Structure formats: structure tokens, C-alpha cells
Protein backbone atom coordinates (compact mmCIF):
# COMPACT_ATOMS: atom_id res chain seq x y z
CA MET A 1 8.79 -51.65 -113.35
CA ARG A 2 5.73 -52.35 -115.33
CA ARG A 3 4.72 -51.24 -118.85
CA LEU A 4 1.72 -50.53 -119.67
CA GLU A 5 0.09 -51.82 -123.18
CA ILE A 6 -2.48 -50.66 -124.88
CA LEU A 7 -3.88 -52.93 -128.20
CA MET A 8 -5.49 -50.98 -130.86
CA THR A 9 -6.33 -51.78 -134.56
CA ASP A 10 -4.65 -50.42 -137.69
CA GLU A 11 -7.47 -48.39 -138.43
CA GLN A 12 -7.38 -46.40 -135.13
CA TYR A 13 -3.21 -46.24 -135.22
CA ASN A 14 -3.41 -45.11 -138.86
CA TYR A 15 -6.22 -42.42 -137.87
CA MET A 16 -4.34 -41.07 -134.76
CA VAL A 17 -0.97 -40.72 -136.91
CA GLU A 18 -3.18 -38.83 -139.36
CA GLU A 19 -4.27 -36.19 -136.98
CA ARG A 20 -0.96 -35.91 -135.02
CA ASP A 21 0.31 -35.30 -138.84
CA TYR A 22 -2.47 -32.64 -139.07
CA GLY A 23 -1.61 -31.14 -135.67
CA ASN A 24 1.81 -30.69 -136.52
CA ARG A 25 1.81 -29.28 -139.58
CA THR A 26 -1.24 -26.46 -138.23
CA ASN A 27 1.71 -26.08 -135.25
CA ILE A 28 4.11 -25.17 -138.27
CA GLU A 29 2.23 -23.00 -140.14
CA GLU A 30 0.81 -21.05 -136.57
CA GLU A 31 4.75 -21.26 -135.49
CA THR A 32 3.42 -22.41 -132.26
CA PHE A 33 4.59 -25.29 -130.06
CA CYS A 34 1.96 -28.08 -129.06
CA SER A 35 1.94 -31.60 -128.02
CA TYR A 36 -0.17 -34.19 -127.57
CA GLU A 37 -2.11 -36.07 -125.17
CA LEU A 38 -3.69 -39.67 -124.55
CA CYS A 39 -5.85 -40.68 -122.39
CA LEU A 40 -7.12 -44.23 -121.47
CA HIS A 41 -10.27 -44.47 -120.13
CA ILE A 42 -10.89 -47.52 -118.06
CA GLY A 43 -14.28 -48.47 -117.18
CA SER A 44 -15.42 -51.66 -115.15
CA PRO A 45 -13.67 -54.86 -116.66
CA ASP A 46 -15.83 -56.91 -118.33
CA VAL A 47 -19.11 -54.54 -118.10
CA ILE A 48 -17.20 -51.56 -119.38
CA PRO A 49 -15.03 -51.60 -122.13
CA ALA A 50 -11.60 -49.00 -122.00
CA THR A 51 -11.63 -45.90 -124.23
CA LEU A 52 -8.77 -43.98 -126.06
CA GLU A 53 -8.94 -40.37 -126.78
CA MET A 54 -5.93 -38.24 -128.24
CA LYS A 55 -6.12 -34.91 -127.54
CA MET A 56 -4.19 -32.00 -129.75
CA ILE A 57 -5.63 -29.42 -131.30
CA ASN A 58 -8.96 -31.27 -131.18
CA THR A 59 -10.21 -34.43 -128.89
CA ILE A 60 -10.10 -37.54 -131.09
CA ASP A 61 -12.03 -40.46 -129.64
CA LEU A 62 -10.61 -43.53 -131.42
CA GLY A 63 -12.55 -46.15 -129.71
CA GLU A 64 -12.46 -49.20 -127.92
CA VAL A 65 -8.89 -50.47 -126.78
CA GLU A 66 -7.88 -53.49 -125.13
CA TRP A 67 -4.92 -52.24 -122.15
CA SER A 68 -2.74 -54.48 -119.98
CA PHE A 69 0.21 -54.59 -117.57
CA SER A 70 3.80 -56.24 -118.16
CA LYS A 71 6.91 -56.52 -116.23
CA PHE A 72 9.68 -54.45 -117.87
């Protein structure tokens, strides 16, 4: 089995958590149920960096990230 690891800055992480919390509050207020999706866009290694998006109520561009597979 393999594990996908995504490395992001503290700023990116905090922004993602804030947006998730906002989405959860909005869902509670509107009495709806919604999840979120993380999209890792992988370009050509060493040419186009990988980027991460979070989709919930809005699509949030979290910027460039590092990623890797490791054994679980």
C-alpha cells in the first residue's frame, strides 16, 4: 500500500482550515450537507510545479505544493 503525502506551508494550511470552517458554518446556517475536495494538479516534474486546490463552496487555489508517494 502507498501513502500520498502533500507538503504545504503553515500559511497554506491555515488558509485551508479557515475556508473549511467557513464552509461548515455556512452549511449549518443553511441546513445543508456538503463535503470538500482536494485537487492536486501535477505538472511535468522539475518544469511545472504541482498546485493544490480546495473545492467546497468556492474553489480556493492554495498554490504550489510538494508531494510524494511513500510506503505505508
